C-alpha atoms as a PDB file:
ATOM      1  CA  MET A   1     114.730 -35.936 122.624  1.00  0.00           C
ATOM      2  CA  GLU A   2     115.520 -33.744 125.586  1.00  0.00           C
ATOM      3  CA  ASP A   3     113.398 -32.602 128.483  1.00  0.00           C
ATOM      4  CA  THR A   4     115.183 -29.413 129.485  1.00  0.00           C
ATOM      5  CA  LEU A   5     114.704 -27.122 132.469  1.00  0.00           C
ATOM      6  CA  ARG A   6     112.845 -24.781 130.113  1.00  0.00           C
ATOM      7  CA  HIS A   7     110.447 -27.556 129.123  1.00  0.00           C
ATOM      8  CA  LYS A   8     109.871 -28.428 132.774  1.00  0.00           C
ATOM      9  CA  GLY A   9     109.203 -24.805 133.618  1.00  0.00           C
ATOM     10  CA  LEU A  10     106.659 -24.469 130.800  1.00  0.00           C
ATOM     11  CA  ARG A  11     105.062 -27.732 131.882  1.00  0.00           C
ATOM     12  CA  ARG A  12     104.810 -26.528 135.489  1.00  0.00           C
ATOM     13  CA  ARG A  13     103.072 -23.377 134.254  1.00  0.00           C
ATOM     14  CA  LEU A  14     100.635 -25.488 132.205  1.00  0.00           C
ATOM     15  CA  ILE A  15      99.836 -27.640 135.251  1.00  0.00           C
ATOM     16  CA  GLU A  16      99.112 -24.504 137.270  1.00  0.00           C
ATOM     17  CA  GLU A  17      96.828 -23.302 134.466  1.00  0.00           C
ATOM     18  CA  ILE A  18      94.726 -26.476 134.332  1.00  0.00           C
ATOM     19  CA  GLU A  19      94.616 -26.607 138.130  1.00  0.00           C
ATOM     20  CA  ALA A  20      93.186 -23.081 138.090  1.00  0.00           C
ATOM     21  CA  LYS A  21      90.521 -24.328 135.661  1.00  0.00           C
ATOM     22  CA  GLY A  22      89.298 -26.852 138.224  1.00  0.00           C
ATOM     23  CA  ILE A  23      91.481 -29.954 138.054  1.00  0.00           C
ATOM     24  CA  SER A  24      91.984 -30.846 141.724  1.00  0.00           C
ATOM     25  CA  ASP A  25      93.314 -34.431 141.676  1.00  0.00           C
ATOM     26  CA  LYS A  26      96.969 -34.089 142.701  1.00  0.00           C
ATOM     27  CA  ASN A  27      97.818 -37.522 141.308  1.00  0.00           C
ATOM     28  CA  VAL A  28      96.559 -36.474 137.871  1.00  0.00           C
ATOM     29  CA  LEU A  29      98.457 -33.180 138.012  1.00  0.00           C
ATOM     30  CA  ASN A  30     101.659 -34.945 139.086  1.00  0.00           C
ATOM     31  CA  ALA A  31     101.323 -37.529 136.308  1.00  0.00           C
ATOM     32  CA  MET A  32     100.890 -34.786 133.733  1.00  0.00           C
ATOM     33  CA  TYR A  33     103.981 -33.034 135.032  1.00  0.00           C
ATOM     34  CA  LYS A  34     105.997 -36.240 134.663  1.00  0.00           C
ATOM     35  CA  VAL A  35     105.088 -36.760 130.981  1.00  0.00           C
ATOM     36  CA  PRO A  36     106.880 -34.409 128.534  1.00  0.00           C
ATOM     37  CA  ARG A  37     104.096 -33.433 126.119  1.00  0.00           C
ATOM     38  CA  HIS A  38     106.587 -32.107 123.557  1.00  0.00           C
ATOM     39  CA  PHE A  39     107.766 -35.685 122.972  1.00  0.00           C
ATOM     40  CA  PHE A  40     104.302 -36.493 121.582  1.00  0.00           C
ATOM     41  CA  MET A  41     103.906 -33.477 119.284  1.00  0.00           C
ATOM     42  CA  GLU A  42     104.693 -33.233 115.578  1.00  0.00           C
ATOM     43  CA  SER A  43     108.147 -31.664 115.128  1.00  0.00           C
ATOM     44  CA  GLY A  44     106.853 -28.435 113.575  1.00  0.00           C
ATOM     45  CA  LEU A  45     104.479 -27.844 116.492  1.00  0.00           C
ATOM     46  CA  GLN A  46     106.728 -28.689 119.447  1.00  0.00           C
ATOM     47  CA  LYS A  47     107.161 -25.026 120.404  1.00  0.00           C
ATOM     48  CA  TYR A  48     103.419 -24.981 121.190  1.00  0.00           C
ATOM     49  CA  SER A  49     103.501 -28.128 123.343  1.00  0.00           C
ATOM     50  CA  TYR A  50     102.686 -26.379 126.608  1.00  0.00           C
ATOM     51  CA  LYS A  51      99.761 -24.351 125.377  1.00  0.00           C
ATOM     52  CA  ASP A  52      96.443 -25.669 126.651  1.00  0.00           C
ATOM     53  CA  GLN A  53      95.238 -26.536 123.157  1.00  0.00           C
ATOM     54  CA  ALA A  54      94.663 -29.553 120.937  1.00  0.00           C
ATOM     55  CA  PHE A  55      96.968 -29.935 117.926  1.00  0.00           C
ATOM     56  CA  PRO A  56      97.006 -32.148 114.820  1.00  0.00           C
ATOM     57  CA  ILE A  57      99.048 -35.343 114.665  1.00  0.00           C
ATOM     58  CA  ALA A  58      99.364 -37.956 111.916  1.00  0.00           C
ATOM     59  CA  ALA A  59      96.426 -39.675 110.174  1.00  0.00           C
ATOM     60  CA  GLY A  60      94.100 -36.682 110.594  1.00  0.00           C
ATOM     61  CA  GLN A  61      93.921 -37.128 114.375  1.00  0.00           C
ATOM     62  CA  THR A  62      94.736 -34.778 117.259  1.00  0.00           C
ATOM     63  CA  ILE A  63      96.572 -34.735 120.544  1.00  0.00           C
ATOM     64  CA  SER A  64      93.909 -33.570 122.988  1.00  0.00           C
ATOM     65  CA  GLN A  65      93.961 -30.332 124.944  1.00  0.00           C
ATOM     66  CA  PRO A  66      95.793 -30.961 128.254  1.00  0.00           C
ATOM     67  CA  TYR A  67      92.800 -29.735 130.273  1.00  0.00           C
ATOM     68  CA  THR A  68      90.604 -32.291 128.484  1.00  0.00           C
ATOM     69  CA  VAL A  69      93.103 -35.081 129.160  1.00  0.00           C
ATOM     70  CA  ALA A  70      93.195 -34.097 132.829  1.00  0.00           C
ATOM     71  CA  PHE A  71      89.398 -33.784 133.023  1.00  0.00           C
ATOM     72  CA  GLN A  72      88.733 -37.255 131.596  1.00  0.00           C
ATOM     73  CA  THR A  73      91.471 -38.794 133.713  1.00  0.00           C
ATOM     74  CA  GLN A  74      90.157 -37.169 136.887  1.00  0.00           C
ATOM     75  CA  LEU A  75      86.648 -38.494 136.151  1.00  0.00           C
ATOM     76  CA  LEU A  76      88.047 -42.020 135.822  1.00  0.00           C
ATOM     77  CA  ASN A  77      89.535 -41.847 139.349  1.00  0.00           C
ATOM     78  CA  ILE A  78      92.406 -44.213 138.518  1.00  0.00           C
ATOM     79  CA  LYS A  79      93.712 -46.405 141.318  1.00  0.00           C
ATOM     80  CA  ASN A  80      97.108 -48.107 141.244  1.00  0.00           C
ATOM     81  CA  GLY A  81      96.725 -51.447 139.461  1.00  0.00           C
ATOM     82  CA  ASP A  82      93.436 -50.567 137.720  1.00  0.00           C
ATOM     83  CA  LYS A  83      92.906 -52.424 134.461  1.00  0.00           C
ATOM     84  CA  VAL A  84      92.081 -49.701 131.932  1.00  0.00           C
ATOM     85  CA  LEU A  85      90.833 -50.038 128.350  1.00  0.00           C
ATOM     86  CA  GLU A  86      91.630 -46.959 126.264  1.00  0.00           C
ATOM     87  CA  ILE A  87      89.821 -46.485 122.954  1.00  0.00           C
ATOM     88  CA  GLY A  88      91.926 -44.358 120.605  1.00  0.00           C
ATOM     89  CA  THR A  89      95.656 -44.495 121.375  1.00  0.00           C
ATOM     90  CA  GLY A  90      96.437 -41.540 119.105  1.00  0.00           C
ATOM     91  CA  SER A  91      99.792 -39.991 119.975  1.00  0.00           C
ATOM     92  CA  GLY A  92     100.115 -42.144 123.109  1.00  0.00           C
ATOM     93  CA  TYR A  93     100.072 -39.101 125.417  1.00  0.00           C
ATOM     94  CA  GLN A  94      96.946 -40.130 127.326  1.00  0.00           C
ATOM     95  CA  THR A  95      98.292 -43.693 127.525  1.00  0.00           C
ATOM     96  CA  ALA A  96     101.451 -42.431 129.216  1.00  0.00           C
ATOM     97  CA  ILE A  97      99.417 -40.389 131.731  1.00  0.00           C
ATOM     98  CA  LEU A  98      97.360 -43.456 132.651  1.00  0.00           C
ATOM     99  CA  MET A  99     100.499 -45.532 133.111  1.00  0.00           C
ATOM    100  CA  GLU A 100     102.098 -42.867 135.311  1.00  0.00           C
ATOM    101  CA  LEU A 101      99.042 -43.274 137.553  1.00  0.00           C
ATOM    102  CA  GLY A 102      99.811 -46.983 137.905  1.00  0.00           C
ATOM    103  CA  ALA A 103      97.155 -48.302 135.511  1.00  0.00           C
ATOM    104  CA  LYS A 104      97.553 -51.486 133.498  1.00  0.00           C
ATOM    105  CA  VAL A 105      96.604 -50.109 130.101  1.00  0.00           C
ATOM    106  CA  TYR A 106      95.033 -51.955 127.182  1.00  0.00           C
ATOM    107  CA  THR A 107      94.781 -49.480 124.307  1.00  0.00           C
ATOM    108  CA  ILE A 108      93.259 -49.783 120.821  1.00  0.00           C
ATOM    109  CA  GLU A 109      94.155 -47.732 117.729  1.00  0.00           C
ATOM    110  CA  ARG A 110      92.309 -48.085 114.398  1.00  0.00           C
ATOM    111  CA  GLN A 111      94.847 -46.154 112.287  1.00  0.00           C
ATOM    112  CA  TYR A 112      97.690 -48.506 111.354  1.00  0.00           C
ATOM    113  CA  GLU A 113     100.105 -45.608 110.812  1.00  0.00           C
ATOM    114  CA  LEU A 114      99.582 -44.409 114.375  1.00  0.00           C
ATOM    115  CA  PHE A 115      99.600 -47.932 115.797  1.00  0.00           C
ATOM    116  CA  LEU A 116     103.048 -48.670 114.355  1.00  0.00           C
ATOM    117  CA  LYS A 117     104.471 -45.288 115.327  1.00  0.00           C
ATOM    118  CA  VAL A 118     103.202 -45.390 118.914  1.00  0.00           C
ATOM    119  CA  LYS A 119     104.169 -49.019 119.470  1.00  0.00           C
ATOM    120  CA  THR A 120     107.858 -48.204 119.000  1.00  0.00           C
ATOM    121  CA  PHE A 121     107.706 -44.727 120.499  1.00  0.00           C
ATOM    122  CA  LEU A 122     106.073 -45.643 123.823  1.00  0.00           C
ATOM    123  CA  SER A 123     108.442 -48.566 124.270  1.00  0.00           C
ATOM    124  CA  ASN A 124     111.413 -46.254 123.745  1.00  0.00           C
ATOM    125  CA  LEU A 125     110.061 -44.005 126.509  1.00  0.00           C
ATOM    126  CA  GLY A 126     109.753 -46.961 128.880  1.00  0.00           C
ATOM    127  CA  TYR A 127     105.962 -47.371 128.627  1.00  0.00           C
ATOM    128  CA  ASN A 128     104.744 -50.827 127.667  1.00  0.00           C
ATOM    129  CA  PRO A 129     100.951 -50.936 127.440  1.00  0.00           C
ATOM    130  CA  HIS A 130      99.049 -53.773 125.790  1.00  0.00           C
ATOM    131  CA  LEU A 131      98.630 -52.140 122.373  1.00  0.00           C
ATOM    132  CA  PHE A 132      96.149 -53.382 119.762  1.00  0.00           C
ATOM    133  CA  PHE A 133      95.363 -52.484 116.156  1.00  0.00           C
ATOM    134  CA  GLY A 134      91.611 -52.829 115.875  1.00  0.00           C
ATOM    135  CA  ASP A 135      88.082 -51.463 116.061  1.00  0.00           C
ATOM    136  CA  GLY A 136      87.492 -49.567 119.302  1.00  0.00           C
ATOM    137  CA  PHE A 137      83.733 -50.156 119.168  1.00  0.00           C
ATOM    138  CA  LYS A 138      84.431 -53.858 119.764  1.00  0.00           C
ATOM    139  CA  GLY A 139      86.874 -53.379 122.639  1.00  0.00           C
ATOM    140  CA  GLN A 140      88.985 -56.328 123.803  1.00  0.00           C
ATOM    141  CA  ALA A 141      86.603 -58.852 125.366  1.00  0.00           C
ATOM    142  CA  ASN A 142      89.328 -61.487 125.757  1.00  0.00           C
ATOM    143  CA  TYR A 143      91.150 -59.218 128.214  1.00  0.00           C
ATOM    144  CA  GLY A 144      88.134 -57.965 130.175  1.00  0.00           C
ATOM    145  CA  PRO A 145      86.453 -57.200 132.401  1.00  0.00           C
ATOM    146  CA  PHE A 146      88.009 -53.759 132.887  1.00  0.00           C
ATOM    147  CA  ASP A 147      87.957 -51.506 135.938  1.00  0.00           C
ATOM    148  CA  LYS A 148      87.938 -48.384 133.773  1.00  0.00           C
ATOM    149  CA  ILE A 149      87.201 -47.647 130.108  1.00  0.00           C
ATOM    150  CA  LEU A 150      88.191 -44.375 128.444  1.00  0.00           C
ATOM    151  CA  ILE A 151      87.006 -43.289 124.993  1.00  0.00           C
ATOM    152  CA  THR A 152      89.121 -40.465 123.551  1.00  0.00           C
ATOM    153  CA  ALA A 153      86.978 -39.680 120.473  1.00  0.00           C
ATOM    154  CA  ALA A 154      83.376 -38.516 119.999  1.00  0.00           C
ATOM    155  CA  ALA A 155      81.159 -41.596 120.288  1.00  0.00           C
ATOM    156  CA  PRO A 156      77.872 -41.309 118.338  1.00  0.00           C
ATOM    157  CA  PHE A 157      76.344 -43.783 120.807  1.00  0.00           C
ATOM    158  CA  ILE A 158      77.446 -45.825 123.821  1.00  0.00           C
ATOM    159  CA  PRO A 159      78.987 -49.039 122.419  1.00  0.00           C
ATOM    160  CA  GLU A 160      77.179 -52.024 123.902  1.00  0.00           C
ATOM    161  CA  ASP A 161      80.281 -54.216 123.603  1.00  0.00           C
ATOM    162  CA  LEU A 162      82.193 -51.809 125.817  1.00  0.00           C
ATOM    163  CA  LYS A 163      79.446 -51.706 128.447  1.00  0.00           C
ATOM    164  CA  ASN A 164      79.591 -55.500 128.536  1.00  0.00           C
ATOM    165  CA  GLN A 165      83.350 -55.362 129.152  1.00  0.00           C
ATOM    166  CA  MET A 166      83.005 -53.204 132.275  1.00  0.00           C
ATOM    167  CA  GLY A 167      83.493 -54.938 135.596  1.00  0.00           C
ATOM    168  CA  ILE A 168      80.914 -54.393 138.334  1.00  0.00           C
ATOM    169  CA  GLY A 169      82.010 -51.236 140.143  1.00  0.00           C
ATOM    170  CA  GLY A 170      83.765 -50.095 136.970  1.00  0.00           C
ATOM    171  CA  THR A 171      83.619 -46.719 135.261  1.00  0.00           C
ATOM    172  CA  MET A 172      83.499 -45.620 131.626  1.00  0.00           C
ATOM    173  CA  VAL A 173      84.171 -42.021 130.551  1.00  0.00           C
ATOM    174  CA  LEU A 174      83.311 -40.889 127.032  1.00  0.00           C
ATOM    175  CA  PRO A 175      82.385 -37.799 125.017  1.00  0.00           C
ATOM    176  CA  LEU A 176      78.940 -38.607 123.594  1.00  0.00           C
ATOM    177  CA  GLY A 177      77.419 -36.906 120.561  1.00  0.00           C
ATOM    178  CA  LYS A 178      78.173 -35.826 117.008  1.00  0.00           C
ATOM    179  CA  ASN A 179      78.518 -32.037 116.643  1.00  0.00           C
ATOM    180  CA  SER A 180      79.378 -31.226 120.234  1.00  0.00           C
ATOM    181  CA  GLN A 181      79.765 -33.837 122.920  1.00  0.00           C
ATOM    182  CA  VAL A 182      78.622 -34.152 126.490  1.00  0.00           C
ATOM    183  CA  MET A 183      81.194 -35.817 128.735  1.00  0.00           C
ATOM    184  CA  GLN A 184      79.488 -38.811 130.313  1.00  0.00           C
ATOM    185  CA  LYS A 185      80.544 -40.938 133.224  1.00  0.00           C
ATOM    186  CA  ILE A 186      78.906 -44.367 133.331  1.00  0.00           C
ATOM    187  CA  GLU A 187      79.261 -46.477 136.468  1.00  0.00           C
ATOM    188  CA  LYS A 188      78.354 -50.162 136.493  1.00  0.00           C
ATOM    189  CA  THR A 189      76.550 -50.743 139.776  1.00  0.00           C
ATOM    190  CA  GLY A 190      75.266 -54.266 139.123  1.00  0.00           C
ATOM    191  CA  GLU A 191      75.187 -57.032 136.518  1.00  0.00           C
ATOM    192  CA  ASN A 192      72.846 -55.025 134.276  1.00  0.00           C
ATOM    193  CA  GLN A 193      72.657 -51.797 136.249  1.00  0.00           C
ATOM    194  CA  PHE A 194      74.326 -48.519 135.323  1.00  0.00           C
ATOM    195  CA  ARG A 195      74.388 -44.983 136.702  1.00  0.00           C
ATOM    196  CA  THR A 196      75.084 -42.134 134.258  1.00  0.00           C
ATOM    197  CA  SER A 197      76.127 -38.541 134.963  1.00  0.00           C
ATOM    198  CA  ASN A 198      76.945 -35.639 132.618  1.00  0.00           C
ATOM    199  CA  HIS A 199      79.986 -33.405 133.048  1.00  0.00           C
ATOM    200  CA  GLY A 200      79.907 -30.548 130.548  1.00  0.00           C
ATOM    201  CA  TYR A 201      80.458 -30.105 126.821  1.00  0.00           C
ATOM    202  CA  PHE A 202      83.607 -30.731 124.788  1.00  0.00           C
ATOM    203  CA  SER A 203      84.737 -31.089 121.186  1.00  0.00           C
ATOM    204  CA  PHE A 204      86.465 -34.257 119.912  1.00  0.00           C
ATOM    205  CA  VAL A 205      87.291 -35.829 116.560  1.00  0.00           C
ATOM    206  CA  PRO A 206      84.697 -38.495 115.663  1.00  0.00           C
ATOM    207  CA  MET A 207      85.000 -42.088 116.785  1.00  0.00           C
ATOM    208  CA  LEU A 208      84.952 -44.341 113.723  1.00  0.00           C
ATOM    209  CA  GLY A 209      84.473 -48.069 113.354  1.00  0.00           C
ATOM    210  CA  GLY A 210      86.654 -50.537 111.498  1.00  0.00           C
ATOM    211  CA  THR A 211      90.365 -50.066 110.806  1.00  0.00           C
ATOM    212  CA  GLU A 212      92.423 -48.087 108.278  1.00  0.00           C
ATOM    213  CA  GLY A 213      95.809 -48.344 106.644  1.00  0.00           C
ATOM    214  CA  ARG A 214      96.515 -52.055 106.568  1.00  0.00           C
END
């Protein structure tokens, strides 16, 4: 795979587009410029990699719209060294963005096909997150608590297990709802105290429990 001057130019234009839509965190914009999105696209769709749109990947999943990736990442306010739990590895694109920001990423994928593909692929690109095949609703309690938790699929409810795996002062960002989702930011302010804020409406594939393909 090559990242040519043309790719970099298209990527720069995409970054300018999402910045114009309201993404102001320079660290997020820089991280997205560093990660070649065309590496994460299906081969027949690579020519569309730098359009601000979601596209299908394997196992009936999608690679999210770049603006959405940037929006969720900006809400998380990643600091270097943050311990981040990502629910829904998918193509691995969001994982790479988080790692470019200096996060220590623990990521869960329920589709075995995607898990195997991404495990090799991310390693080949030089990204080595803690990658798990499992049920995202359950999280990874043995590795918690986490500074940040990111859910990249439409959650029908806020998983209690994930709230319990947040550290005090931690943040969870998730799209909540079935038909259309409100982007929620949940901040853990005390042992059993949370502050919730809403940040607009989005459309995600549904978050499902259990695992598939193994």
